[in-house]
Amino acid sequence: MTIKPNCPISKASQTLGKKWNLQIIYYLRERKRFCELQEAVGGVNPATLSTRLQGLEKAKIIRRHEIPGVPRHVEYELTEKGHELIPLMYALAEWVNKWQKLDE
C-alpha cells in the first residue's frame, strides 16, 4: 500500500510521529527551560532533545525564548498551533486508558 503525500495523517505523523515529540509537546503545556523539559520527558539525551525542539520550532508548534543574563538560558513554550494539540493528546490518552484496561 502506498501512502499518499497529501494525506493529512501522513503529514501529521512526519512531525508528531518522531520519538519524543509527543512527550515534549505534552510537557510544554507550561513554559519550561531546557533542563526542566529534559527532566520531565526523562530518558532523552540533550542532543536528541535539541534536535526535536528545533524540528518542532520549524513546524511552528513551539516557540524558543532566549533569556539574557548570566548564565543565559533558553525557555520553550507552545504556540497557538501547539496548544491546539493538547485536547487531542488528552483524547488519545483516554483512548489508551480505555482499551488498555479492556485488553488486559
C-alpha atoms as a PDB file:
ATOM      1  CA  MET A   1       0.000   0.000   0.000  1.00  0.00           C
ATOM      2  CA  THR A   2       1.365   3.417  -0.953  1.00  0.00           C
ATOM      3  CA  ILE A   3       0.850   6.363   1.378  1.00  0.00           C
ATOM      4  CA  LYS A   4      -0.315   9.465  -0.422  1.00  0.00           C
ATOM      5  CA  PRO A   5       1.885  12.509   0.256  1.00  0.00           C
ATOM      6  CA  ASN A   6      -1.124  14.807   0.721  1.00  0.00           C
ATOM      7  CA  CYS A   7      -2.736  12.546   3.310  1.00  0.00           C
ATOM      8  CA  PRO A   8      -3.256  14.617   6.496  1.00  0.00           C
ATOM      9  CA  ILE A   9      -2.375  11.650   8.722  1.00  0.00           C
ATOM     10  CA  SER A  10       0.906  11.185   6.863  1.00  0.00           C
ATOM     11  CA  LYS A  11       1.705  14.854   7.269  1.00  0.00           C
ATOM     12  CA  ALA A  12       0.897  14.755  10.998  1.00  0.00           C
ATOM     13  CA  SER A  13       2.982  11.637  11.571  1.00  0.00           C
ATOM     14  CA  GLN A  14       6.016  13.206   9.888  1.00  0.00           C
ATOM     15  CA  THR A  15       6.244  15.683  12.758  1.00  0.00           C
ATOM     16  CA  LEU A  16       4.356  14.115  15.643  1.00  0.00           C
ATOM     17  CA  GLY A  17       5.493  10.549  14.999  1.00  0.00           C
ATOM     18  CA  LYS A  18       9.148  11.201  15.748  1.00  0.00           C
ATOM     19  CA  LYS A  19      10.332   9.704  19.013  1.00  0.00           C
ATOM     20  CA  TRP A  20       9.917  12.077  21.979  1.00  0.00           C
ATOM     21  CA  ASN A  21       7.865  14.723  20.125  1.00  0.00           C
ATOM     22  CA  LEU A  22       4.520  13.895  21.741  1.00  0.00           C
ATOM     23  CA  GLN A  23       6.103  13.841  25.187  1.00  0.00           C
ATOM     24  CA  ILE A  24       7.832  17.175  24.537  1.00  0.00           C
ATOM     25  CA  ILE A  25       4.571  18.774  23.427  1.00  0.00           C
ATOM     26  CA  TYR A  26       2.714  17.316  26.414  1.00  0.00           C
ATOM     27  CA  TYR A  27       5.227  18.658  28.938  1.00  0.00           C
ATOM     28  CA  LEU A  28       5.326  22.077  27.276  1.00  0.00           C
ATOM     29  CA  ARG A  29       1.755  22.796  28.330  1.00  0.00           C
ATOM     30  CA  GLU A  30       3.600  25.192  30.630  1.00  0.00           C
ATOM     31  CA  ARG A  31       6.657  27.155  29.582  1.00  0.00           C
ATOM     32  CA  LYS A  32       9.868  25.314  30.538  1.00  0.00           C
ATOM     33  CA  ARG A  33      13.619  25.683  30.453  1.00  0.00           C
ATOM     34  CA  PHE A  34      15.633  23.120  28.501  1.00  0.00           C
ATOM     35  CA  CYS A  35      16.842  21.327  31.646  1.00  0.00           C
ATOM     36  CA  GLU A  36      13.309  21.232  33.114  1.00  0.00           C
ATOM     37  CA  LEU A  37      11.983  19.764  29.901  1.00  0.00           C
ATOM     38  CA  GLN A  38      14.745  17.161  29.740  1.00  0.00           C
ATOM     39  CA  GLU A  39      13.949  16.081  33.293  1.00  0.00           C
ATOM     40  CA  ALA A  40      10.189  15.999  32.646  1.00  0.00           C
ATOM     41  CA  VAL A  41      10.499  13.899  29.487  1.00  0.00           C
ATOM     42  CA  GLY A  42      13.091  11.572  31.028  1.00  0.00           C
ATOM     43  CA  GLY A  43      15.384   9.291  29.049  1.00  0.00           C
ATOM     44  CA  VAL A  44      16.103  11.695  26.202  1.00  0.00           C
ATOM     45  CA  ASN A  45      19.699  12.788  25.728  1.00  0.00           C
ATOM     46  CA  PRO A  46      20.423  16.524  25.290  1.00  0.00           C
ATOM     47  CA  ALA A  47      21.449  16.262  21.627  1.00  0.00           C
ATOM     48  CA  THR A  48      18.247  14.432  20.680  1.00  0.00           C
ATOM     49  CA  LEU A  49      16.111  16.839  22.705  1.00  0.00           C
ATOM     50  CA  SER A  50      17.769  19.789  20.988  1.00  0.00           C
ATOM     51  CA  THR A  51      17.143  18.241  17.558  1.00  0.00           C
ATOM     52  CA  ARG A  52      13.490  17.526  18.362  1.00  0.00           C
ATOM     53  CA  LEU A  53      12.970  21.054  19.712  1.00  0.00           C
ATOM     54  CA  GLN A  54      14.443  22.524  16.531  1.00  0.00           C
ATOM     55  CA  GLY A  55      12.085  20.420  14.412  1.00  0.00           C
ATOM     56  CA  LEU A  56       9.050  21.416  16.475  1.00  0.00           C
ATOM     57  CA  GLU A  57      10.102  25.051  16.269  1.00  0.00           C
ATOM     58  CA  LYS A  58      10.457  24.770  12.492  1.00  0.00           C
ATOM     59  CA  ALA A  59       6.946  23.261  12.387  1.00  0.00           C
ATOM     60  CA  LYS A  60       5.745  26.277  14.430  1.00  0.00           C
ATOM     61  CA  ILE A  61       4.467  24.043  17.237  1.00  0.00           C
ATOM     62  CA  ILE A  62       6.795  25.528  19.837  1.00  0.00           C
ATOM     63  CA  ARG A  63       8.482  28.879  20.381  1.00  0.00           C
ATOM     64  CA  ARG A  64      12.012  29.372  21.737  1.00  0.00           C
ATOM     65  CA  HIS A  65      12.876  32.269  24.052  1.00  0.00           C
ATOM     66  CA  GLU A  66      16.440  33.267  24.883  1.00  0.00           C
ATOM     67  CA  ILE A  67      16.573  34.816  28.350  1.00  0.00           C
ATOM     68  CA  PRO A  68      19.505  37.214  28.797  1.00  0.00           C
ATOM     69  CA  GLY A  69      21.602  37.066  31.896  1.00  0.00           C
ATOM     70  CA  VAL A  70      24.475  35.165  33.379  1.00  0.00           C
ATOM     71  CA  PRO A  71      24.191  32.357  32.722  1.00  0.00           C
ATOM     72  CA  ARG A  72      21.967  32.816  29.709  1.00  0.00           C
ATOM     73  CA  HIS A  73      19.199  30.251  29.398  1.00  0.00           C
ATOM     74  CA  VAL A  74      16.506  29.257  26.945  1.00  0.00           C
ATOM     75  CA  GLU A  75      12.826  28.594  27.582  1.00  0.00           C
ATOM     76  CA  TYR A  76      10.295  26.895  25.347  1.00  0.00           C
ATOM     77  CA  GLU A  77       6.534  27.203  25.098  1.00  0.00           C
ATOM     78  CA  LEU A  78       3.764  26.001  22.830  1.00  0.00           C
ATOM     79  CA  THR A  79       2.482  28.253  20.086  1.00  0.00           C
ATOM     80  CA  GLU A  80      -1.243  28.531  19.388  1.00  0.00           C
ATOM     81  CA  LYS A  81      -0.780  25.708  16.888  1.00  0.00           C
ATOM     82  CA  GLY A  82       0.890  23.611  19.594  1.00  0.00           C
ATOM     83  CA  HIS A  83      -1.800  24.342  22.182  1.00  0.00           C
ATOM     84  CA  GLU A  84      -4.432  23.021  19.774  1.00  0.00           C
ATOM     85  CA  LEU A  85      -2.783  19.589  20.049  1.00  0.00           C
ATOM     86  CA  ILE A  86      -3.372  19.299  23.801  1.00  0.00           C
ATOM     87  CA  PRO A  87      -7.087  18.302  23.644  1.00  0.00           C
ATOM     88  CA  LEU A  88      -6.158  15.711  21.013  1.00  0.00           C
ATOM     89  CA  MET A  89      -3.480  14.310  23.307  1.00  0.00           C
ATOM     90  CA  TYR A  90      -5.947  14.080  26.197  1.00  0.00           C
ATOM     91  CA  ALA A  91      -8.389  12.250  23.916  1.00  0.00           C
ATOM     92  CA  LEU A  92      -5.631   9.875  22.832  1.00  0.00           C
ATOM     93  CA  ALA A  93      -4.721   9.227  26.480  1.00  0.00           C
ATOM     94  CA  GLU A  94      -8.370   8.427  27.260  1.00  0.00           C
ATOM     95  CA  TRP A  95      -8.460   6.025  24.329  1.00  0.00           C
ATOM     96  CA  VAL A  96      -5.281   4.275  25.536  1.00  0.00           C
ATOM     97  CA  ASN A  97      -6.590   4.038  29.103  1.00  0.00           C
ATOM     98  CA  LYS A  98      -9.940   2.627  27.959  1.00  0.00           C
ATOM     99  CA  TRP A  99      -8.501  -0.035  25.696  1.00  0.00           C
ATOM    100  CA  GLN A 100      -5.523  -0.885  27.872  1.00  0.00           C
ATOM    101  CA  LYS A 101      -7.937  -1.903  30.645  1.00  0.00           C
ATOM    102  CA  LEU A 102     -10.100  -3.910  28.236  1.00  0.00           C
ATOM    103  CA  ASP A 103      -7.103  -5.603  26.604  1.00  0.00           C
ATOM    104  CA  GLU A 104      -5.593  -6.850  29.878  1.00  0.00           C
END
